[in-house]
N, C-alpha and C. Protein backbone atom coordinates (compact mmCIF):
# COMPACT_ATOMS: atom_id res chain seq x y z
N UNK A 1 0.82 -1.19 0.00
CA UNK A 1 0.00 0.00 0.00
C UNK A 1 0.87 1.27 0.00
N UNK A 2 1.94 1.21 0.81
CA UNK A 2 2.83 2.34 0.90
C UNK A 2 3.52 2.60 -0.45
N UNK A 3 3.92 1.53 -1.15
CA UNK A 3 4.57 1.65 -2.45
C UNK A 3 3.62 2.24 -3.48
N UNK A 4 2.38 1.84 -3.45
CA UNK A 4 1.39 2.36 -4.38
C UNK A 4 1.19 3.86 -4.15
N UNK A 5 1.16 4.26 -2.90
CA UNK A 5 1.01 5.66 -2.55
C UNK A 5 2.19 6.48 -3.07
N UNK A 6 3.41 5.97 -2.88
CA UNK A 6 4.61 6.66 -3.34
C UNK A 6 4.61 6.77 -4.87
N UNK A 7 4.25 5.69 -5.56
CA UNK A 7 4.19 5.70 -7.02
C UNK A 7 3.14 6.72 -7.49
N UNK A 8 2.00 6.77 -6.82
CA UNK A 8 0.95 7.72 -7.18
C UNK A 8 1.43 9.16 -7.03
N UNK A 9 2.15 9.43 -5.95
CA UNK A 9 2.68 10.78 -5.73
C UNK A 9 3.71 11.13 -6.81
N UNK A 10 4.60 10.19 -7.13
CA UNK A 10 5.60 10.44 -8.16
C UNK A 10 4.96 10.70 -9.52
N UNK A 11 3.94 9.92 -9.86
CA UNK A 11 3.24 10.12 -11.13
C UNK A 11 2.57 11.49 -11.18
N UNK A 12 1.99 11.88 -10.07
CA UNK A 12 1.35 13.20 -10.00
C UNK A 12 2.37 14.30 -10.20
N UNK A 13 3.52 14.16 -9.56
CA UNK A 13 4.59 15.17 -9.71
C UNK A 13 5.07 15.24 -11.15
N UNK A 14 5.28 14.09 -11.78
CA UNK A 14 5.74 14.06 -13.16
C UNK A 14 4.70 14.70 -14.08
N UNK A 15 3.43 14.35 -13.87
CA UNK A 15 2.37 14.91 -14.70
C UNK A 15 2.26 16.42 -14.51
N UNK A 16 2.40 16.88 -13.29
CA UNK A 16 2.33 18.31 -13.01
C UNK A 16 3.49 19.03 -13.69
N UNK A 17 4.68 18.47 -13.61
CA UNK A 17 5.85 19.07 -14.25
C UNK A 17 5.68 19.10 -15.75
N UNK A 18 5.24 18.01 -16.35
CA UNK A 18 5.04 17.95 -17.79
C UNK A 18 3.95 18.92 -18.21
N UNK A 19 2.89 19.02 -17.42
CA UNK A 19 1.79 19.92 -17.75
C UNK A 19 2.23 21.38 -17.67
N UNK A 20 3.17 21.70 -16.79
CA UNK A 20 3.61 23.08 -16.64
C UNK A 20 4.59 23.51 -17.72
N UNK A 21 5.26 22.56 -18.35
CA UNK A 21 6.27 22.89 -19.34
C UNK A 21 5.72 23.76 -20.47
N UNK A 22 4.56 23.44 -21.07
CA UNK A 22 4.04 24.34 -22.10
C UNK A 22 3.79 25.76 -21.57
N UNK A 23 3.33 25.86 -20.34
CA UNK A 23 3.09 27.17 -19.75
C UNK A 23 4.41 27.93 -19.60
N UNK A 24 5.39 27.27 -19.02
CA UNK A 24 6.70 27.89 -18.80
C UNK A 24 7.30 28.33 -20.12
N UNK A 25 7.30 27.43 -21.10
CA UNK A 25 7.86 27.74 -22.41
C UNK A 25 7.11 28.91 -23.07
N UNK A 26 5.79 28.91 -22.93
CA UNK A 26 4.98 29.98 -23.53
C UNK A 26 5.27 31.33 -22.88
N UNK A 27 5.39 31.36 -21.56
CA UNK A 27 5.68 32.62 -20.88
C UNK A 27 7.08 33.10 -21.28
N UNK A 28 8.03 32.20 -21.34
CA UNK A 28 9.39 32.60 -21.73
C UNK A 28 9.40 33.16 -23.16
N UNK A 29 8.64 32.54 -24.04
CA UNK A 29 8.55 33.05 -25.42
C UNK A 29 7.92 34.44 -25.41
N UNK A 30 6.86 34.59 -24.64
CA UNK A 30 6.19 35.89 -24.54
C UNK A 30 7.15 36.95 -24.00
N UNK A 31 7.93 36.61 -22.99
CA UNK A 31 8.88 37.56 -22.41
C UNK A 31 9.98 37.94 -23.40
N UNK A 32 10.24 37.05 -24.34
CA UNK A 32 11.22 37.34 -25.38
C UNK A 32 10.66 38.34 -26.38
N UNK A 33 9.42 38.13 -26.81
CA UNK A 33 8.88 39.00 -27.86
C UNK A 33 8.28 40.31 -27.36
N UNK A 34 7.94 40.38 -26.07
CA UNK A 34 7.31 41.61 -25.59
C UNK A 34 8.31 42.67 -25.12
N UNK A 35 9.61 42.34 -25.23
CA UNK A 35 10.63 43.32 -24.87
C UNK A 35 11.25 43.12 -23.50
N UNK A 36 10.68 42.24 -22.69
CA UNK A 36 11.19 42.03 -21.34
C UNK A 36 12.62 41.49 -21.38
N UNK A 37 12.86 40.50 -22.22
CA UNK A 37 14.21 39.93 -22.32
C UNK A 37 15.21 41.01 -22.69
N UNK A 38 14.84 41.84 -23.64
CA UNK A 38 15.73 42.91 -24.09
C UNK A 38 16.04 43.88 -22.94
N UNK A 39 15.04 44.16 -22.10
CA UNK A 39 15.25 45.04 -20.94
C UNK A 39 16.30 44.45 -20.00
N UNK A 40 16.18 43.16 -19.72
CA UNK A 40 17.12 42.52 -18.81
C UNK A 40 18.51 42.43 -19.42
N UNK A 41 18.59 42.19 -20.71
CA UNK A 41 19.90 42.18 -21.38
C UNK A 41 20.55 43.56 -21.26
N UNK A 42 19.75 44.60 -21.43
CA UNK A 42 20.24 45.97 -21.28
C UNK A 42 20.70 46.26 -19.85
N UNK A 43 19.95 45.74 -18.87
CA UNK A 43 20.32 45.93 -17.47
C UNK A 43 21.66 45.25 -17.17
N UNK A 44 21.85 44.07 -17.73
CA UNK A 44 23.12 43.34 -17.53
C UNK A 44 24.26 44.12 -18.17
N UNK A 45 24.05 44.61 -19.37
CA UNK A 45 25.08 45.41 -20.05
C UNK A 45 25.43 46.64 -19.23
N UNK A 46 24.41 47.31 -18.70
CA UNK A 46 24.64 48.51 -17.89
C UNK A 46 25.40 48.17 -16.61
N UNK A 47 25.08 47.03 -15.99
CA UNK A 47 25.78 46.62 -14.78
C UNK A 47 27.26 46.38 -15.08
N UNK A 48 27.53 45.69 -16.19
CA UNK A 48 28.93 45.44 -16.53
C UNK A 48 29.67 46.73 -16.87
N UNK A 49 29.03 47.66 -17.52
CA UNK A 49 29.67 48.95 -17.82
C UNK A 49 30.01 49.67 -16.52
N UNK A 50 29.08 49.66 -15.59
CA UNK A 50 29.30 50.30 -14.29
C UNK A 50 30.44 49.61 -13.54
N UNK A 51 30.45 48.28 -13.55
CA UNK A 51 31.51 47.55 -12.86
C UNK A 51 32.88 47.78 -13.50
N UNK A 52 32.90 47.80 -14.81
CA UNK A 52 34.18 48.07 -15.50
C UNK A 52 34.70 49.44 -15.10
N UNK A 53 33.81 50.40 -14.97
CA UNK A 53 34.20 51.74 -14.56
C UNK A 53 34.70 51.75 -13.12
N UNK A 54 33.98 51.04 -12.24
CA UNK A 54 34.37 51.01 -10.82
C UNK A 54 35.69 50.27 -10.61
N UNK A 55 35.97 49.29 -11.46
CA UNK A 55 37.19 48.49 -11.33
C UNK A 55 38.28 48.95 -12.30
N UNK A 56 38.11 50.12 -12.87
CA UNK A 56 39.03 50.62 -13.91
C UNK A 56 40.49 50.62 -13.44
N UNK A 57 40.71 51.05 -12.21
CA UNK A 57 42.08 51.18 -11.68
C UNK A 57 42.80 49.82 -11.57
N UNK A 58 42.03 48.73 -11.57
CA UNK A 58 42.64 47.40 -11.47
C UNK A 58 43.14 46.88 -12.82
N UNK A 59 42.76 47.56 -13.88
CA UNK A 59 43.15 47.16 -15.23
C UNK A 59 42.87 45.67 -15.49
N UNK A 60 41.64 45.28 -15.20
CA UNK A 60 41.21 43.90 -15.42
C UNK A 60 41.18 43.64 -16.91
N UNK A 61 41.74 42.52 -17.31
CA UNK A 61 41.82 42.22 -18.74
C UNK A 61 40.44 42.01 -19.34
N UNK A 62 40.35 42.33 -20.61
CA UNK A 62 39.09 42.16 -21.34
C UNK A 62 38.68 40.69 -21.38
N UNK A 63 39.65 39.79 -21.31
CA UNK A 63 39.38 38.35 -21.29
C UNK A 63 38.53 37.97 -20.08
N UNK A 64 38.87 38.54 -18.93
CA UNK A 64 38.11 38.26 -17.70
C UNK A 64 36.69 38.82 -17.83
N UNK A 65 36.58 40.07 -18.31
CA UNK A 65 35.25 40.65 -18.47
C UNK A 65 34.41 39.83 -19.45
N UNK A 66 35.02 39.43 -20.55
CA UNK A 66 34.31 38.64 -21.55
C UNK A 66 33.83 37.32 -20.95
N UNK A 67 34.68 36.68 -20.15
CA UNK A 67 34.29 35.42 -19.52
C UNK A 67 33.10 35.63 -18.58
N UNK A 68 33.11 36.72 -17.83
CA UNK A 68 31.99 37.02 -16.93
C UNK A 68 30.72 37.33 -17.73
N UNK A 69 30.86 38.05 -18.81
CA UNK A 69 29.70 38.43 -19.63
C UNK A 69 29.16 37.29 -20.47
N UNK A 70 29.94 36.24 -20.64
CA UNK A 70 29.49 35.09 -21.42
C UNK A 70 28.28 34.40 -20.79
N UNK A 71 28.05 34.62 -19.51
CA UNK A 71 26.91 34.03 -18.83
C UNK A 71 25.64 34.87 -18.96
N UNK A 72 25.68 35.90 -19.77
CA UNK A 72 24.55 36.82 -19.92
C UNK A 72 23.25 36.08 -20.25
N UNK A 73 23.27 35.17 -21.22
CA UNK A 73 22.05 34.45 -21.60
C UNK A 73 21.52 33.61 -20.44
N UNK A 74 22.43 33.03 -19.66
CA UNK A 74 22.02 32.24 -18.50
C UNK A 74 21.32 33.15 -17.48
N UNK A 75 21.91 34.33 -17.26
CA UNK A 75 21.29 35.28 -16.32
C UNK A 75 19.89 35.66 -16.78
N UNK A 76 19.73 35.89 -18.07
CA UNK A 76 18.43 36.28 -18.63
C UNK A 76 17.44 35.12 -18.51
N UNK A 77 17.89 33.92 -18.81
CA UNK A 77 17.00 32.75 -18.69
C UNK A 77 16.59 32.53 -17.24
N UNK A 78 17.49 32.80 -16.31
CA UNK A 78 17.17 32.67 -14.88
C UNK A 78 16.03 33.61 -14.49
N UNK A 79 16.12 34.87 -14.90
CA UNK A 79 15.08 35.83 -14.52
C UNK A 79 13.76 35.49 -15.22
N UNK A 80 13.84 35.05 -16.47
CA UNK A 80 12.61 34.67 -17.16
C UNK A 80 11.94 33.51 -16.46
N UNK A 81 12.72 32.55 -15.97
CA UNK A 81 12.16 31.41 -15.24
C UNK A 81 11.45 31.86 -13.97
N UNK A 82 12.04 32.81 -13.27
CA UNK A 82 11.42 33.31 -12.04
C UNK A 82 10.16 34.11 -12.36
N UNK A 83 10.19 34.87 -13.44
CA UNK A 83 9.03 35.70 -13.80
C UNK A 83 7.81 34.85 -14.18
N UNK A 84 8.02 33.60 -14.56
CA UNK A 84 6.90 32.72 -14.90
C UNK A 84 5.90 32.67 -13.74
N UNK A 85 6.40 32.62 -12.51
CA UNK A 85 5.50 32.54 -11.36
C UNK A 85 4.63 33.78 -11.24
N UNK A 86 5.18 34.94 -11.58
CA UNK A 86 4.39 36.17 -11.53
C UNK A 86 3.26 36.12 -12.55
N UNK A 87 3.55 35.63 -13.74
CA UNK A 87 2.54 35.56 -14.79
C UNK A 87 1.49 34.50 -14.47
N UNK A 88 1.91 33.44 -13.81
CA UNK A 88 0.99 32.36 -13.46
C UNK A 88 -0.10 32.86 -12.50
N UNK A 89 0.23 33.85 -11.72
CA UNK A 89 -0.74 34.41 -10.78
C UNK A 89 -1.87 35.17 -11.49
N UNK A 90 -1.63 35.58 -12.74
CA UNK A 90 -2.60 36.41 -13.44
C UNK A 90 -3.17 35.82 -14.72
N UNK A 91 -2.39 34.98 -15.39
CA UNK A 91 -2.77 34.56 -16.73
C UNK A 91 -2.78 33.04 -16.92
N UNK A 92 -3.72 32.58 -17.72
CA UNK A 92 -3.78 31.17 -18.10
C UNK A 92 -2.86 30.95 -19.30
N UNK A 93 -2.66 29.70 -19.65
CA UNK A 93 -1.87 29.38 -20.84
C UNK A 93 -2.51 30.01 -22.07
N UNK A 94 -3.83 29.95 -22.15
CA UNK A 94 -4.53 30.55 -23.29
C UNK A 94 -4.30 32.07 -23.36
N UNK A 95 -4.31 32.72 -22.21
CA UNK A 95 -4.03 34.16 -22.16
C UNK A 95 -2.63 34.44 -22.70
N UNK A 96 -1.66 33.66 -22.26
CA UNK A 96 -0.28 33.86 -22.69
C UNK A 96 -0.17 33.67 -24.20
N UNK A 97 -0.85 32.67 -24.72
CA UNK A 97 -0.84 32.44 -26.16
C UNK A 97 -1.47 33.62 -26.90
N UNK A 98 -2.58 34.13 -26.37
CA UNK A 98 -3.23 35.30 -26.98
C UNK A 98 -2.32 36.53 -26.95
N UNK A 99 -1.64 36.72 -25.84
CA UNK A 99 -0.74 37.85 -25.70
C UNK A 99 0.44 37.72 -26.67
N UNK A 100 0.92 36.51 -26.85
CA UNK A 100 2.03 36.26 -27.78
C UNK A 100 1.61 36.58 -29.21
N UNK A 101 0.44 36.09 -29.59
CA UNK A 101 -0.07 36.37 -30.94
C UNK A 101 -0.22 37.88 -31.13
N UNK A 102 -0.73 38.55 -30.13
CA UNK A 102 -0.91 40.00 -30.19
C UNK A 102 0.44 40.70 -30.38
N UNK A 103 1.44 40.34 -29.57
CA UNK A 103 2.74 40.99 -29.67
C UNK A 103 3.49 40.65 -30.95
N UNK A 104 3.14 39.54 -31.57
CA UNK A 104 3.76 39.17 -32.85
C UNK A 104 3.05 39.81 -34.04
N UNK A 105 1.92 40.47 -33.80
CA UNK A 105 1.15 41.06 -34.89
C UNK A 105 1.86 42.28 -35.48
N UNK A 106 1.56 42.55 -36.73
CA UNK A 106 2.16 43.72 -37.39
C UNK A 106 1.67 45.01 -36.72
N UNK A 107 0.46 44.98 -36.19
CA UNK A 107 -0.08 46.17 -35.52
C UNK A 107 0.78 46.55 -34.32
N UNK A 108 1.12 45.58 -33.49
CA UNK A 108 1.94 45.88 -32.31
C UNK A 108 3.37 46.24 -32.72
N UNK A 109 3.89 45.54 -33.70
CA UNK A 109 5.24 45.87 -34.17
C UNK A 109 5.30 47.31 -34.66
N UNK A 110 4.26 47.73 -35.38
CA UNK A 110 4.20 49.11 -35.86
C UNK A 110 4.03 50.08 -34.69
N UNK A 111 3.18 49.72 -33.75
CA UNK A 111 2.94 50.56 -32.58
C UNK A 111 4.24 50.78 -31.80
N UNK A 112 5.03 49.74 -31.68
CA UNK A 112 6.27 49.84 -30.91
C UNK A 112 7.36 50.60 -31.67
N UNK A 113 7.32 50.54 -33.00
CA UNK A 113 8.37 51.24 -33.76
C UNK A 113 8.01 52.69 -34.05
N UNK A 114 6.74 52.95 -34.40
CA UNK A 114 6.31 54.32 -34.70
C UNK A 114 4.78 54.39 -34.67
N UNK A 115 4.24 54.83 -33.55
CA UNK A 115 2.79 54.90 -33.37
C UNK A 115 2.11 55.79 -34.40
N UNK A 116 2.83 56.80 -34.85
CA UNK A 116 2.22 57.75 -35.78
C UNK A 116 1.91 57.12 -37.14
N UNK A 117 2.49 55.98 -37.44
CA UNK A 117 2.27 55.34 -38.73
C UNK A 117 1.27 54.18 -38.66
N UNK A 118 0.57 54.06 -37.53
CA UNK A 118 -0.46 53.02 -37.41
C UNK A 118 -1.60 53.30 -38.39
N UNK A 119 -2.05 52.27 -39.07
CA UNK A 119 -3.21 52.42 -39.94
C UNK A 119 -4.47 52.33 -39.09
N UNK A 120 -5.59 52.72 -39.65
CA UNK A 120 -6.87 52.60 -38.93
C UNK A 120 -7.15 51.15 -38.58
N UNK A 121 -6.83 50.25 -39.50
CA UNK A 121 -7.05 48.81 -39.26
C UNK A 121 -6.19 48.34 -38.09
N UNK A 122 -4.94 48.77 -38.06
CA UNK A 122 -4.05 48.37 -36.96
C UNK A 122 -4.53 48.94 -35.63
N UNK A 123 -4.99 50.18 -35.64
CA UNK A 123 -5.53 50.77 -34.40
C UNK A 123 -6.73 49.96 -33.91
N UNK A 124 -7.57 49.55 -34.84
CA UNK A 124 -8.75 48.77 -34.48
C UNK A 124 -8.34 47.40 -33.93
N UNK A 125 -7.32 46.78 -34.52
CA UNK A 125 -6.84 45.48 -34.02
C UNK A 125 -6.34 45.62 -32.58
N UNK A 126 -5.63 46.68 -32.31
CA UNK A 126 -5.10 46.91 -30.96
C UNK A 126 -6.25 47.15 -29.98
N UNK A 127 -7.21 47.97 -30.38
CA UNK A 127 -8.37 48.22 -29.51
C UNK A 127 -9.17 46.94 -29.28
N UNK A 128 -9.33 46.14 -30.32
CA UNK A 128 -10.06 44.87 -30.17
C UNK A 128 -9.37 43.95 -29.18
N UNK A 129 -8.04 43.92 -29.24
CA UNK A 129 -7.33 43.06 -28.29
C UNK A 129 -7.56 43.55 -26.86
N UNK A 130 -7.40 44.84 -26.63
CA UNK A 130 -7.55 45.36 -25.27
C UNK A 130 -8.99 45.28 -24.77
N UNK A 131 -9.94 45.10 -25.68
CA UNK A 131 -11.33 44.89 -25.28
C UNK A 131 -11.64 43.41 -25.06
N UNK A 132 -10.70 42.54 -25.42
CA UNK A 132 -10.92 41.10 -25.25
C UNK A 132 -10.70 40.70 -23.79
N UNK A 133 -11.09 39.49 -23.45
CA UNK A 133 -10.92 38.99 -22.08
C UNK A 133 -9.45 39.06 -21.67
N UNK A 134 -8.55 38.61 -22.53
CA UNK A 134 -7.12 38.64 -22.21
C UNK A 134 -6.61 40.07 -22.09
N UNK A 135 -7.02 40.92 -23.01
CA UNK A 135 -6.60 42.32 -22.96
C UNK A 135 -7.06 43.01 -21.68
N UNK A 136 -8.30 42.72 -21.28
CA UNK A 136 -8.82 43.30 -20.04
C UNK A 136 -8.05 42.78 -18.83
N UNK A 137 -7.64 41.51 -18.87
CA UNK A 137 -6.80 40.95 -17.79
C UNK A 137 -5.46 41.67 -17.74
N UNK A 138 -4.89 41.93 -18.92
CA UNK A 138 -3.60 42.64 -18.96
C UNK A 138 -3.73 44.01 -18.31
N UNK A 139 -4.78 44.70 -18.64
CA UNK A 139 -4.99 46.05 -18.09
C UNK A 139 -5.21 45.97 -16.57
N UNK A 140 -6.06 45.04 -16.15
CA UNK A 140 -6.39 44.91 -14.73
C UNK A 140 -5.19 44.47 -13.89
N UNK A 141 -4.30 43.67 -14.47
CA UNK A 141 -3.18 43.13 -13.71
C UNK A 141 -1.92 43.99 -13.78
N UNK A 142 -1.96 45.04 -14.56
CA UNK A 142 -0.77 45.85 -14.82
C UNK A 142 -0.04 46.27 -13.55
N UNK A 143 -0.75 46.87 -12.60
CA UNK A 143 -0.11 47.36 -11.38
C UNK A 143 0.41 46.23 -10.51
N UNK A 144 -0.42 45.22 -10.29
CA UNK A 144 -0.01 44.10 -9.45
C UNK A 144 1.18 43.35 -10.04
N UNK A 145 1.12 43.12 -11.34
CA UNK A 145 2.20 42.42 -12.02
C UNK A 145 3.49 43.26 -11.99
N UNK A 146 3.35 44.55 -12.20
CA UNK A 146 4.52 45.44 -12.16
C UNK A 146 5.18 45.42 -10.78
N UNK A 147 4.37 45.38 -9.74
CA UNK A 147 4.91 45.34 -8.38
C UNK A 147 5.68 44.04 -8.15
N UNK A 148 5.09 42.93 -8.53
CA UNK A 148 5.75 41.64 -8.35
C UNK A 148 7.02 41.57 -9.20
N UNK A 149 6.93 42.02 -10.45
CA UNK A 149 8.10 42.01 -11.32
C UNK A 149 9.21 42.89 -10.75
N UNK A 150 8.83 44.01 -10.17
CA UNK A 150 9.82 44.91 -9.57
C UNK A 150 10.55 44.24 -8.41
N UNK A 151 9.80 43.55 -7.58
CA UNK A 151 10.41 42.85 -6.44
C UNK A 151 11.33 41.74 -6.92
N UNK A 152 10.86 40.98 -7.91
CA UNK A 152 11.68 39.90 -8.46
C UNK A 152 12.94 40.48 -9.10
N UNK A 153 12.79 41.54 -9.87
CA UNK A 153 13.93 42.15 -10.55
C UNK A 153 14.95 42.69 -9.56
N UNK A 154 14.47 43.30 -8.51
CA UNK A 154 15.37 43.85 -7.50
C UNK A 154 16.19 42.73 -6.85
N UNK A 155 15.53 41.64 -6.50
CA UNK A 155 16.23 40.51 -5.90
C UNK A 155 17.23 39.90 -6.89
N UNK A 156 16.78 39.72 -8.13
CA UNK A 156 17.62 39.12 -9.16
C UNK A 156 18.85 39.98 -9.43
N UNK A 157 18.65 41.29 -9.60
CA UNK A 157 19.78 42.15 -9.92
C UNK A 157 20.78 42.22 -8.77
N UNK A 158 20.27 42.23 -7.54
CA UNK A 158 21.17 42.22 -6.37
C UNK A 158 21.98 40.93 -6.32
N UNK A 159 21.32 39.81 -6.55
CA UNK A 159 22.02 38.52 -6.55
C UNK A 159 23.04 38.45 -7.68
N UNK A 160 22.68 38.95 -8.84
CA UNK A 160 23.60 38.95 -9.98
C UNK A 160 24.82 39.81 -9.69
N UNK A 161 24.59 40.99 -9.15
CA UNK A 161 25.68 41.90 -8.81
C UNK A 161 26.64 41.24 -7.81
N UNK A 162 26.08 40.65 -6.76
CA UNK A 162 26.90 39.97 -5.76
C UNK A 162 27.67 38.81 -6.37
N UNK A 163 27.04 38.08 -7.26
CA UNK A 163 27.68 36.95 -7.91
C UNK A 163 28.88 37.39 -8.74
N UNK A 164 28.71 38.45 -9.51
CA UNK A 164 29.81 38.95 -10.33
C UNK A 164 30.93 39.50 -9.44
N UNK A 165 30.57 40.22 -8.38
CA UNK A 165 31.59 40.71 -7.44
C UNK A 165 32.35 39.56 -6.81
N UNK A 166 31.64 38.50 -6.48
CA UNK A 166 32.26 37.32 -5.89
C UNK A 166 33.24 36.67 -6.88
N UNK A 167 32.84 36.58 -8.14
CA UNK A 167 33.71 35.99 -9.16
C UNK A 167 34.95 36.86 -9.37
N UNK A 168 34.78 38.17 -9.30
CA UNK A 168 35.93 39.07 -9.42
C UNK A 168 36.85 38.91 -8.20
N UNK A 169 36.25 38.77 -7.02
CA UNK A 169 37.05 38.58 -5.80
C UNK A 169 37.85 37.28 -5.87
N UNK A 170 37.23 36.24 -6.43
CA UNK A 170 37.95 34.96 -6.60
C UNK A 170 39.19 35.14 -7.47
N UNK A 171 39.14 36.10 -8.37
CA UNK A 171 40.26 36.37 -9.28
C UNK A 171 41.23 37.40 -8.67
N UNK A 172 40.92 37.83 -7.44
CA UNK A 172 41.82 38.75 -6.75
C UNK A 172 41.48 40.21 -6.88
N UNK A 173 40.28 40.53 -7.38
CA UNK A 173 39.86 41.92 -7.55
C UNK A 173 38.72 42.23 -6.58
N UNK A 174 38.94 43.24 -5.74
CA UNK A 174 37.94 43.62 -4.76
C UNK A 174 37.95 45.12 -4.56
N UNK A 175 36.78 45.68 -4.31
CA UNK A 175 36.68 47.12 -4.09
C UNK A 175 37.06 47.52 -2.67
N UNK A 176 37.22 46.56 -1.80
CA UNK A 176 37.54 46.86 -0.38
C UNK A 176 38.99 47.14 -0.19
């Protein structure tokens, strides 16, 4: 009986993990196309620029900086993985798929590049999306999601900064 119970729990865990994978993958894809990934890549670049400036007097070789920056994609994937939980609190898989289709549309691409060149049809497509169930969820969740994302981002950036400082210290470079 005990073995059957353990097997049942393991199967449930496996099924839950497998069932979540499409959601996780969909949110990560959405975060890539909606500009979030680009924001975090920019934040990492800015952090490294600031660190290079702060450590300028140490004349750290470009090889070391390049090695540290090579983990940039890993850092971005880490934050995207954590952000999945924030989106799960507000959106279903279907919502995420709808949001992805919306952000991949020519209307949104035009809106993001130059709003003044939106056609009437594109404006209508955008308004239709924001009037949809998913669009209304996006509007309603904006503040709550932004707060959670801010907290996650603050924790992530602090951890990343400490990690890079630690790696520099291991190589003999410290600001102290």
